[in-house]
PDB file of N, CA and C in Angstrom:
ATOM      1  N   MET A   1      62.420 -83.222 -61.857  1.00  0.00           N
ATOM      2  CA  MET A   1      63.785 -82.708 -60.593  1.00  0.00           C
ATOM      3  C   MET A   1      64.344 -82.993 -59.645  1.00  0.00           C
ATOM      4  N   VAL A   2      63.618 -83.907 -58.418  1.00  0.00           N
ATOM      5  CA  VAL A   2      63.413 -84.527 -57.620  1.00  0.00           C
ATOM      6  C   VAL A   2      64.777 -85.812 -57.244  1.00  0.00           C
ATOM      7  N   LEU A   3      64.291 -86.408 -58.922  1.00  0.00           N
ATOM      8  CA  LEU A   3      65.420 -87.703 -58.690  1.00  0.00           C
ATOM      9  C   LEU A   3      66.899 -86.891 -58.527  1.00  0.00           C
ATOM     10  N   ILE A   4      66.762 -86.725 -59.995  1.00  0.00           N
ATOM     11  CA  ILE A   4      68.358 -86.106 -60.495  1.00  0.00           C
ATOM     12  C   ILE A   4      68.824 -85.308 -58.933  1.00  0.00           C
ATOM     13  N   GLU A   5      67.957 -84.373 -58.162  1.00  0.00           N
ATOM     14  CA  GLU A   5      68.507 -83.834 -57.288  1.00  0.00           C
ATOM     15  C   GLU A   5      69.304 -84.244 -56.249  1.00  0.00           C
ATOM     16  N   LYS A   6      68.566 -85.539 -55.919  1.00  0.00           N
ATOM     17  CA  LYS A   6      69.028 -86.255 -55.217  1.00  0.00           C
ATOM     18  C   LYS A   6      70.366 -87.470 -55.483  1.00  0.00           C
ATOM     19  N   LEU A   7      69.816 -87.861 -56.541  1.00  0.00           N
ATOM     20  CA  LEU A   7      71.016 -88.307 -57.197  1.00  0.00           C
ATOM     21  C   LEU A   7      72.629 -88.069 -57.248  1.00  0.00           C
ATOM     22  N   LEU A   8      72.349 -86.476 -57.860  1.00  0.00           N
ATOM     23  CA  LEU A   8      73.262 -84.871 -57.679  1.00  0.00           C
ATOM     24  C   LEU A   8      74.018 -84.638 -56.619  1.00  0.00           C
ATOM     25  N   LEU A   9      73.323 -85.572 -55.117  1.00  0.00           N
ATOM     26  CA  LEU A   9      73.840 -84.477 -54.230  1.00  0.00           C
ATOM     27  C   LEU A   9      74.155 -85.990 -53.624  1.00  0.00           C
ATOM     28  N   SER A  10      74.243 -87.164 -54.511  1.00  0.00           N
ATOM     29  CA  SER A  10      75.098 -88.645 -53.518  1.00  0.00           C
ATOM     30  C   SER A  10      76.322 -88.659 -54.422  1.00  0.00           C
ATOM     31  N   ILE A  11      77.315 -89.021 -53.869  1.00  0.00           N
ATOM     32  CA  ILE A  11      78.663 -89.521 -54.815  1.00  0.00           C
ATOM     33  C   ILE A  11      78.236 -90.670 -55.420  1.00  0.00           C
ATOM     34  N   GLU A  12      77.817 -91.508 -55.372  1.00  0.00           N
ATOM     35  CA  GLU A  12      77.236 -92.309 -56.373  1.00  0.00           C
ATOM     36  C   GLU A  12      76.882 -91.699 -57.366  1.00  0.00           C
ATOM     37  N   GLY A  13      75.563 -91.173 -57.354  1.00  0.00           N
ATOM     38  CA  GLY A  13      74.727 -90.645 -58.344  1.00  0.00           C
ATOM     39  C   GLY A  13      75.027 -89.683 -58.718  1.00  0.00           C
ATOM     40  N   ALA A  14      76.372 -88.843 -58.118  1.00  0.00           N
ATOM     41  CA  ALA A  14      76.827 -87.531 -59.424  1.00  0.00           C
ATOM     42  C   ALA A  14      77.636 -88.261 -59.822  1.00  0.00           C
ATOM     43  N   PHE A  15      78.349 -89.521 -59.687  1.00  0.00           N
ATOM     44  CA  PHE A  15      79.625 -89.702 -60.630  1.00  0.00           C
ATOM     45  C   PHE A  15      78.630 -90.656 -61.336  1.00  0.00           C
ATOM     46  N   ALA A  16      77.568 -91.613 -61.637  1.00  0.00           N
ATOM     47  CA  ALA A  16      77.163 -91.959 -62.579  1.00  0.00           C
ATOM     48  C   ALA A  16      76.263 -90.907 -63.317  1.00  0.00           C
ATOM     49  N   ILE A  17      75.716 -89.533 -63.267  1.00  0.00           N
ATOM     50  CA  ILE A  17      75.331 -88.988 -64.142  1.00  0.00           C
ATOM     51  C   ILE A  17      76.488 -88.353 -64.698  1.00  0.00           C
ATOM     52  N   GLY A  18      77.461 -88.426 -64.181  1.00  0.00           N
ATOM     53  CA  GLY A  18      78.945 -87.665 -65.107  1.00  0.00           C
ATOM     54  C   GLY A  18      79.396 -88.839 -66.046  1.00  0.00           C
ATOM     55  N   ALA A  19      79.128 -90.379 -65.930  1.00  0.00           N
ATOM     56  CA  ALA A  19      79.486 -91.288 -66.569  1.00  0.00           C
ATOM     57  C   ALA A  19      78.424 -91.342 -67.573  1.00  0.00           C
ATOM     58  N   ALA A  20      76.810 -90.953 -67.149  1.00  0.00           N
ATOM     59  CA  ALA A  20      76.602 -91.214 -68.506  1.00  0.00           C
ATOM     60  C   ALA A  20      76.601 -90.084 -69.809  1.00  0.00           C
ATOM     61  N   ALA A  21      76.954 -88.959 -68.640  1.00  0.00           N
ATOM     62  CA  ALA A  21      77.551 -87.491 -69.783  1.00  0.00           C
ATOM     63  C   ALA A  21      78.395 -87.872 -70.831  1.00  0.00           C
ATOM     64  N   GLY A  22      79.234 -88.380 -69.911  1.00  0.00           N
ATOM     65  CA  GLY A  22      81.133 -88.591 -70.554  1.00  0.00           C
ATOM     66  C   GLY A  22      81.007 -89.846 -71.182  1.00  0.00           C
ATOM     67  N   LEU A  23      79.862 -90.755 -71.331  1.00  0.00           N
ATOM     68  CA  LEU A  23      79.376 -91.785 -72.215  1.00  0.00           C
ATOM     69  C   LEU A  23      78.880 -91.099 -73.500  1.00  0.00           C
ATOM     70  N   LEU A  24      78.141 -90.256 -73.463  1.00  0.00           N
ATOM     71  CA  LEU A  24      77.441 -89.600 -74.564  1.00  0.00           C
ATOM     72  C   LEU A  24      78.307 -89.233 -75.571  1.00  0.00           C
ATOM     73  N   ILE A  25      79.368 -88.384 -75.379  1.00  0.00           N
ATOM     74  CA  ILE A  25      80.272 -87.196 -75.642  1.00  0.00           C
ATOM     75  C   ILE A  25      81.392 -88.317 -76.042  1.00  0.00           C
ATOM     76  N   GLY A  26      81.497 -89.354 -75.496  1.00  0.00           N
ATOM     77  CA  GLY A  26      82.672 -90.135 -75.550  1.00  0.00           C
ATOM     78  C   GLY A  26      82.266 -90.877 -77.549  1.00  0.00           C
ATOM     79  N   ILE A  27      81.326 -91.051 -77.257  1.00  0.00           N
ATOM     80  CA  ILE A  27      80.392 -91.923 -78.048  1.00  0.00           C
ATOM     81  C   ILE A  27      80.732 -90.662 -79.943  1.00  0.00           C
ATOM     82  N   LEU A  28      79.429 -89.425 -79.327  1.00  0.00           N
ATOM     83  CA  LEU A  28      79.276 -88.790 -80.625  1.00  0.00           C
ATOM     84  C   LEU A  28      80.109 -87.829 -80.914  1.00  0.00           C
ATOM     85  N   LEU A  29      81.442 -87.655 -80.493  1.00  0.00           N
ATOM     86  CA  LEU A  29      82.547 -86.799 -80.632  1.00  0.00           C
ATOM     87  C   LEU A  29      83.550 -87.826 -81.028  1.00  0.00           C
ATOM     88  N   PRO A  30      83.845 -87.625 -82.286  1.00  0.00           N
ATOM     89  CA  PRO A  30      84.926 -88.275 -82.703  1.00  0.00           C
ATOM     90  C   PRO A  30      86.412 -88.012 -82.301  1.00  0.00           C
ATOM     91  N   ARG A  31      86.733 -86.249 -82.620  1.00  0.00           N
ATOM     92  CA  ARG A  31      88.204 -86.437 -82.224  1.00  0.00           C
ATOM     93  C   ARG A  31      87.702 -86.146 -80.738  1.00  0.00           C
ATOM     94  N   GLN A  32      89.131 -86.531 -80.499  1.00  0.00           N
ATOM     95  CA  GLN A  32      89.749 -86.543 -79.052  1.00  0.00           C
ATOM     96  C   GLN A  32      89.812 -85.283 -78.316  1.00  0.00           C
ATOM     97  N   LYS A  33      89.955 -84.482 -79.126  1.00  0.00           N
ATOM     98  CA  LYS A  33      90.736 -83.251 -78.782  1.00  0.00           C
ATOM     99  C   LYS A  33      88.953 -82.490 -78.401  1.00  0.00           C
ATOM    100  N   LEU A  34      87.934 -82.528 -79.430  1.00  0.00           N
ATOM    101  CA  LEU A  34      86.471 -81.936 -78.716  1.00  0.00           C
ATOM    102  C   LEU A  34      85.601 -82.217 -77.405  1.00  0.00           C
ATOM    103  N   GLY A  35      85.930 -83.466 -77.443  1.00  0.00           N
ATOM    104  CA  GLY A  35      85.987 -84.510 -76.534  1.00  0.00           C
ATOM    105  C   GLY A  35      86.112 -84.250 -75.322  1.00  0.00           C
ATOM    106  N   CYS A  36      87.538 -84.138 -75.344  1.00  0.00           N
ATOM    107  CA  CYS A  36      88.294 -83.087 -73.540  1.00  0.00           C
ATOM    108  C   CYS A  36      87.941 -82.087 -73.478  1.00  0.00           C
ATOM    109  N   ALA A  37      87.596 -81.237 -74.470  1.00  0.00           N
ATOM    110  CA  ALA A  37      87.137 -79.714 -74.467  1.00  0.00           C
ATOM    111  C   ALA A  37      84.849 -79.699 -74.051  1.00  0.00           C
ATOM    112  N   ALA A  38      84.675 -80.702 -74.463  1.00  0.00           N
ATOM    113  CA  ALA A  38      83.471 -81.114 -74.533  1.00  0.00           C
ATOM    114  C   ALA A  38      83.409 -81.283 -72.934  1.00  0.00           C
ATOM    115  N   LEU A  39      83.661 -82.519 -72.218  1.00  0.00           N
ATOM    116  CA  LEU A  39      83.970 -83.173 -70.914  1.00  0.00           C
ATOM    117  C   LEU A  39      84.262 -81.961 -69.641  1.00  0.00           C
ATOM    118  N   LEU A  40      84.198 -80.445 -70.249  1.00  0.00           N
ATOM    119  CA  LEU A  40      84.284 -79.406 -68.921  1.00  0.00           C
ATOM    120  C   LEU A  40      83.212 -78.664 -68.954  1.00  0.00           C
ATOM    121  N   VAL A  41      81.863 -79.414 -69.593  1.00  0.00           N
ATOM    122  CA  VAL A  41      80.660 -78.790 -69.555  1.00  0.00           C
ATOM    123  C   VAL A  41      80.353 -79.590 -67.508  1.00  0.00           C
ATOM    124  N   VAL A  42      80.589 -80.817 -67.958  1.00  0.00           N
ATOM    125  CA  VAL A  42      80.482 -81.260 -66.476  1.00  0.00           C
ATOM    126  C   VAL A  42      80.789 -81.007 -65.142  1.00  0.00           C
ATOM    127  N   PRO A  43      81.787 -80.432 -64.967  1.00  0.00           N
ATOM    128  CA  PRO A  43      81.877 -79.853 -64.153  1.00  0.00           C
ATOM    129  C   PRO A  43      81.526 -78.249 -63.314  1.00  0.00           C
ATOM    130  N   ILE A  44      81.091 -78.125 -65.032  1.00  0.00           N
ATOM    131  CA  ILE A  44      80.980 -76.300 -64.757  1.00  0.00           C
ATOM    132  C   ILE A  44      79.547 -76.626 -64.254  1.00  0.00           C
ATOM    133  N   THR A  45      78.849 -77.377 -65.622  1.00  0.00           N
ATOM    134  CA  THR A  45      76.972 -77.840 -65.113  1.00  0.00           C
ATOM    135  C   THR A  45      77.033 -78.156 -63.744  1.00  0.00           C
ATOM    136  N   MET A  46      77.808 -78.296 -62.655  1.00  0.00           N
ATOM    137  CA  MET A  46      77.504 -78.803 -61.505  1.00  0.00           C
ATOM    138  C   MET A  46      77.541 -77.801 -60.605  1.00  0.00           C
ATOM    139  N   ILE A  47      78.831 -77.101 -60.808  1.00  0.00           N
ATOM    140  CA  ILE A  47      79.043 -75.342 -59.892  1.00  0.00           C
ATOM    141  C   ILE A  47      77.976 -74.915 -59.977  1.00  0.00           C
ATOM    142  N   PHE A  48      76.886 -74.922 -61.130  1.00  0.00           N
ATOM    143  CA  PHE A  48      75.862 -73.976 -61.434  1.00  0.00           C
ATOM    144  C   PHE A  48      74.779 -74.540 -60.681  1.00  0.00           C
ATOM    145  N   PHE A  49      74.902 -76.014 -60.685  1.00  0.00           N
ATOM    146  CA  PHE A  49      73.541 -76.930 -60.147  1.00  0.00           C
ATOM    147  C   PHE A  49      73.760 -76.347 -58.656  1.00  0.00           C
ATOM    148  N   ILE A  50      74.990 -76.647 -57.384  1.00  0.00           N
ATOM    149  CA  ILE A  50      75.518 -76.229 -56.395  1.00  0.00           C
ATOM    150  C   ILE A  50      74.826 -74.981 -56.140  1.00  0.00           C
ATOM    151  N   SER A  51      75.325 -74.042 -57.553  1.00  0.00           N
ATOM    152  CA  SER A  51      74.916 -72.642 -56.719  1.00  0.00           C
ATOM    153  C   SER A  51      73.358 -72.829 -56.547  1.00  0.00           C
ATOM    154  N   TRP A  52      72.382 -73.406 -57.650  1.00  0.00           N
ATOM    155  CA  TRP A  52      71.350 -73.161 -57.516  1.00  0.00           C
ATOM    156  C   TRP A  52      70.559 -74.050 -56.410  1.00  0.00           C
ATOM    157  N   TRP A  53      71.325 -74.939 -55.858  1.00  0.00           N
ATOM    158  CA  TRP A  53      70.645 -75.943 -54.463  1.00  0.00           C
ATOM    159  C   TRP A  53      70.863 -74.901 -53.378  1.00  0.00           C
ATOM    160  N   GLN A  54      71.901 -74.358 -53.276  1.00  0.00           N
ATOM    161  CA  GLN A  54      72.215 -73.975 -52.045  1.00  0.00           C
ATOM    162  C   GLN A  54      71.214 -72.445 -52.484  1.00  0.00           C
ATOM    163  N   ALA A  55      70.533 -71.718 -53.326  1.00  0.00           N
ATOM    164  CA  ALA A  55      69.869 -70.560 -53.201  1.00  0.00           C
ATOM    165  C   ALA A  55      68.350 -70.499 -53.068  1.00  0.00           C
ATOM    166  N   GLN A  56      68.000 -72.401 -53.049  1.00  0.00           N
ATOM    167  CA  GLN A  56      67.268 -73.164 -52.990  1.00  0.00           C
ATOM    168  C   GLN A  56      66.515 -73.359 -51.347  1.00  0.00           C
ATOM    169  N   HIS A  57      67.912 -74.039 -50.981  1.00  0.00           N
ATOM    170  CA  HIS A  57      68.285 -74.187 -49.455  1.00  0.00           C
ATOM    171  C   HIS A  57      69.034 -73.838 -48.790  1.00  0.00           C
ATOM    172  N   PRO A  58      68.817 -72.208 -48.352  1.00  0.00           N
ATOM    173  CA  PRO A  58      69.591 -71.698 -46.865  1.00  0.00           C
ATOM    174  C   PRO A  58      69.833 -71.975 -45.725  1.00  0.00           C
ATOM    175  N   GLU A  59      68.762 -72.664 -45.690  1.00  0.00           N
ATOM    176  CA  GLU A  59      68.389 -73.450 -43.558  1.00  0.00           C
ATOM    177  C   GLU A  59      69.036 -74.354 -44.056  1.00  0.00           C
ATOM    178  N   ASN A  60      69.905 -74.838 -45.110  1.00  0.00           N
ATOM    179  CA  ASN A  60      70.575 -76.186 -44.473  1.00  0.00           C
ATOM    180  C   ASN A  60      72.344 -75.646 -45.426  1.00  0.00           C
ATOM    181  N   LEU A  61      72.837 -74.361 -45.783  1.00  0.00           N
ATOM    182  CA  LEU A  61      73.798 -73.804 -45.291  1.00  0.00           C
ATOM    183  C   LEU A  61      74.617 -73.915 -44.308  1.00  0.00           C
ATOM    184  N   ARG A  62      75.801 -74.244 -44.247  1.00  0.00           N
ATOM    185  CA  ARG A  62      76.537 -74.673 -43.357  1.00  0.00           C
ATOM    186  C   ARG A  62      77.681 -73.650 -43.317  1.00  0.00           C
ATOM    187  N   SER A  63      79.214 -73.442 -42.844  1.00  0.00           N
ATOM    188  CA  SER A  63      80.023 -73.060 -42.490  1.00  0.00           C
ATOM    189  C   SER A  63      81.270 -73.757 -43.720  1.00  0.00           C
ATOM    190  N   THR A  64      81.039 -74.836 -43.894  1.00  0.00           N
ATOM    191  CA  THR A  64      81.675 -75.856 -44.483  1.00  0.00           C
ATOM    192  C   THR A  64      80.606 -75.705 -46.168  1.00  0.00           C
ATOM    193  N   SER A  65      80.087 -75.039 -46.544  1.00  0.00           N
ATOM    194  CA  SER A  65      79.089 -75.068 -47.700  1.00  0.00           C
ATOM    195  C   SER A  65      79.611 -74.402 -49.152  1.00  0.00           C
ATOM    196  N   ALA A  66      80.980 -73.754 -48.696  1.00  0.00           N
ATOM    197  CA  ALA A  66      81.667 -73.318 -49.448  1.00  0.00           C
ATOM    198  C   ALA A  66      82.593 -74.618 -50.895  1.00  0.00           C
ATOM    199  N   LEU A  67      83.161 -75.669 -49.441  1.00  0.00           N
ATOM    200  CA  LEU A  67      83.442 -76.513 -49.945  1.00  0.00           C
ATOM    201  C   LEU A  67      83.580 -77.678 -50.987  1.00  0.00           C
ATOM    202  N   ASP A  68      81.953 -77.117 -51.199  1.00  0.00           N
ATOM    203  CA  ASP A  68      80.435 -77.706 -52.250  1.00  0.00           C
ATOM    204  C   ASP A  68      80.896 -77.863 -53.660  1.00  0.00           C
ATOM    205  N   PHE A  69      81.410 -75.943 -53.374  1.00  0.00           N
ATOM    206  CA  PHE A  69      81.793 -76.015 -55.644  1.00  0.00           C
ATOM    207  C   PHE A  69      83.044 -76.411 -55.162  1.00  0.00           C
ATOM    208  N   LEU A  70      84.071 -77.283 -54.425  1.00  0.00           N
ATOM    209  CA  LEU A  70      85.623 -77.382 -54.691  1.00  0.00           C
ATOM    210  C   LEU A  70      85.140 -78.775 -54.897  1.00  0.00           C
ATOM    211  N   PHE A  71      84.940 -79.655 -54.391  1.00  0.00           N
ATOM    212  CA  PHE A  71      84.539 -80.974 -53.864  1.00  0.00           C
ATOM    213  C   PHE A  71      83.087 -81.556 -54.986  1.00  0.00           C
ATOM    214  N   GLY A  72      82.308 -80.613 -55.222  1.00  0.00           N
ATOM    215  CA  GLY A  72      80.941 -81.245 -55.692  1.00  0.00           C
ATOM    216  C   GLY A  72      81.041 -81.728 -57.028  1.00  0.00           C
ATOM    217  N   PRO A  73      82.235 -80.466 -57.950  1.00  0.00           N
ATOM    218  CA  PRO A  73      82.016 -81.230 -59.457  1.00  0.00           C
ATOM    219  C   PRO A  73      83.355 -82.452 -59.634  1.00  0.00           C
ATOM    220  N   LEU A  74      83.639 -82.700 -58.378  1.00  0.00           N
ATOM    221  CA  LEU A  74      84.590 -83.826 -58.432  1.00  0.00           C
ATOM    222  C   LEU A  74      84.194 -85.362 -58.642  1.00  0.00           C
ATOM    223  N   TRP A  75      83.171 -85.396 -58.351  1.00  0.00           N
ATOM    224  CA  TRP A  75      82.758 -86.796 -58.865  1.00  0.00           C
ATOM    225  C   TRP A  75      82.340 -87.170 -60.370  1.00  0.00           C
ATOM    226  N   PRO A  76      81.218 -85.904 -61.003  1.00  0.00           N
ATOM    227  CA  PRO A  76      80.600 -86.000 -62.019  1.00  0.00           C
ATOM    228  C   PRO A  76      82.329 -85.922 -62.769  1.00  0.00           C
ATOM    229  N   SER A  77      82.572 -85.300 -62.688  1.00  0.00           N
ATOM    230  CA  SER A  77      83.819 -85.380 -63.171  1.00  0.00           C
ATOM    231  C   SER A  77      84.833 -86.316 -63.502  1.00  0.00           C
ATOM    232  N   LEU A  78      85.272 -87.335 -62.241  1.00  0.00           N
ATOM    233  CA  LEU A  78      85.464 -88.472 -62.421  1.00  0.00           C
ATOM    234  C   LEU A  78      84.812 -89.597 -63.377  1.00  0.00           C
ATOM    235  N   GLY A  79      83.426 -89.695 -62.970  1.00  0.00           N
ATOM    236  CA  GLY A  79      82.826 -90.503 -63.925  1.00  0.00           C
ATOM    237  C   GLY A  79      82.700 -90.236 -65.370  1.00  0.00           C
ATOM    238  N   ALA A  80      82.731 -88.935 -65.608  1.00  0.00           N
ATOM    239  CA  ALA A  80      82.480 -88.041 -67.352  1.00  0.00           C
ATOM    240  C   ALA A  80      83.872 -88.557 -67.746  1.00  0.00           C
ATOM    241  N   VAL A  81      84.877 -88.762 -67.503  1.00  0.00           N
ATOM    242  CA  VAL A  81      85.946 -89.146 -67.212  1.00  0.00           C
ATOM    243  C   VAL A  81      86.614 -90.809 -68.028  1.00  0.00           C
ATOM    244  N   VAL A  82      86.174 -91.346 -67.049  1.00  0.00           N
ATOM    245  CA  VAL A  82      85.724 -92.994 -67.212  1.00  0.00           C
ATOM    246  C   VAL A  82      84.453 -93.247 -68.122  1.00  0.00           C
ATOM    247  N   GLY A  83      83.255 -92.456 -68.380  1.00  0.00           N
ATOM    248  CA  GLY A  83      82.427 -92.990 -69.242  1.00  0.00           C
ATOM    249  C   GLY A  83      82.571 -92.397 -70.935  1.00  0.00           C
ATOM    250  N   TYR A  84      83.474 -91.164 -71.047  1.00  0.00           N
ATOM    251  CA  TYR A  84      84.244 -90.943 -72.245  1.00  0.00           C
ATOM    252  C   TYR A  84      85.464 -91.595 -72.811  1.00  0.00           C
ATOM    253  N   TYR A  85      85.955 -92.077 -71.962  1.00  0.00           N
ATOM    254  CA  TYR A  85      86.646 -93.333 -72.435  1.00  0.00           C
ATOM    255  C   TYR A  85      86.322 -94.861 -72.671  1.00  0.00           C
ATOM    256  N   THR A  86      85.058 -95.254 -72.026  1.00  0.00           N
ATOM    257  CA  THR A  86      84.306 -96.054 -72.814  1.00  0.00           C
ATOM    258  C   THR A  86      83.773 -96.142 -73.662  1.00  0.00           C
ATOM    259  N   GLY A  87      83.161 -94.692 -73.649  1.00  0.00           N
ATOM    260  CA  GLY A  87      82.596 -94.697 -74.966  1.00  0.00           C
ATOM    261  C   GLY A  87      83.564 -94.345 -76.255  1.00  0.00           C
ATOM    262  N   LYS A  88      84.391 -93.821 -76.055  1.00  0.00           N
ATOM    263  CA  LYS A  88      85.433 -94.037 -76.771  1.00  0.00           C
ATOM    264  C   LYS A  88      85.962 -95.396 -77.202  1.00  0.00           C
ATOM    265  N   TRP A  89      85.888 -96.010 -76.656  1.00  0.00           N
ATOM    266  CA  TRP A  89      86.602 -97.288 -76.636  1.00  0.00           C
ATOM    267  C   TRP A  89      85.403 -98.831 -77.422  1.00  0.00           C
ATOM    268  N   LEU A  90      83.535 -98.066 -77.084  1.00  0.00           N
ATOM    269  CA  LEU A  90      82.118 -98.669 -77.633  1.00  0.00           C
ATOM    270  C   LEU A  90      82.664 -98.236 -78.952  1.00  0.00           C
ATOM    271  N   ARG A  91      82.634 -96.717 -79.349  1.00  0.00           N
ATOM    272  CA  ARG A  91      82.934 -96.472 -80.604  1.00  0.00           C
ATOM    273  C   ARG A  91      83.780 -97.259 -81.486  1.00  0.00           C
ATOM    274  N   SER A  92      85.043 -97.257 -80.719  1.00  0.00           N
ATOM    275  CA  SER A  92      86.176 -97.606 -82.023  1.00  0.00           C
ATOM    276  C   SER A  92      86.221 -99.292 -82.479  1.00  0.00           C
ATOM    277  N   ARG A  93      85.192-100.087 -81.483  1.00  0.00           N
ATOM    278  CA  ARG A  93      84.707-101.501 -81.518  1.00  0.00           C
ATOM    279  C   ARG A  93      83.611-101.570 -82.510  1.00  0.00           C
ATOM    280  N   PHE A  94      83.127-100.559 -81.862  1.00  0.00           N
ATOM    281  CA  PHE A  94      81.926-100.992 -83.254  1.00  0.00           C
ATOM    282  C   PHE A  94      82.100 -99.954 -84.896  1.00  0.00           C
ATOM    283  N   ALA A  95      83.033 -98.899 -84.747  1.00  0.00           N
ATOM    284  CA  ALA A  95      83.095 -98.357 -86.401  1.00  0.00           C
ATOM    285  C   ALA A  95      83.661 -99.676 -86.870  1.00  0.00           C
ATOM    286  N   ASN A  96      85.145-100.790 -86.638  1.00  0.00           N
ATOM    287  CA  ASN A  96      85.518-101.219 -87.321  1.00  0.00           C
ATOM    288  C   ASN A  96      84.424-102.458 -87.700  1.00  0.00           C
ATOM    289  N   ARG A  97      83.002-102.667 -86.944  1.00  0.00           N
ATOM    290  CA  ARG A  97      81.984-103.694 -87.991  1.00  0.00           C
ATOM    291  C   ARG A  97      81.499-103.376 -88.599  1.00  0.00           C
ATOM    292  N   ILE A  98      81.329-101.628 -88.785  1.00  0.00           N
ATOM    293  CA  ILE A  98      80.437-101.726 -89.429  1.00  0.00           C
ATOM    294  C   ILE A  98      80.743-101.564 -91.311  1.00  0.00           C
TER     295      ILE A  98
END
């Protein structure tokens, strides 16, 4: 849990985890409407993670900690969109060869 926690607390790590989730969604879900709806899981999960992290570390709370709920889901969501379209591209690329 410590590795995932450290990854999600950095911009690059949050982007990478979001991209991995988006890639899986893009590969596994064939319909675009269902895939885009499934991408909503990423920011919602990040909001729950931020809430959990702030409850576990009250000594690190600042006056700007509420902004984590606004900007925290941004990076994994951007990564998820990039990963989703990469997964869709991979799915279409390899679907034609089977």
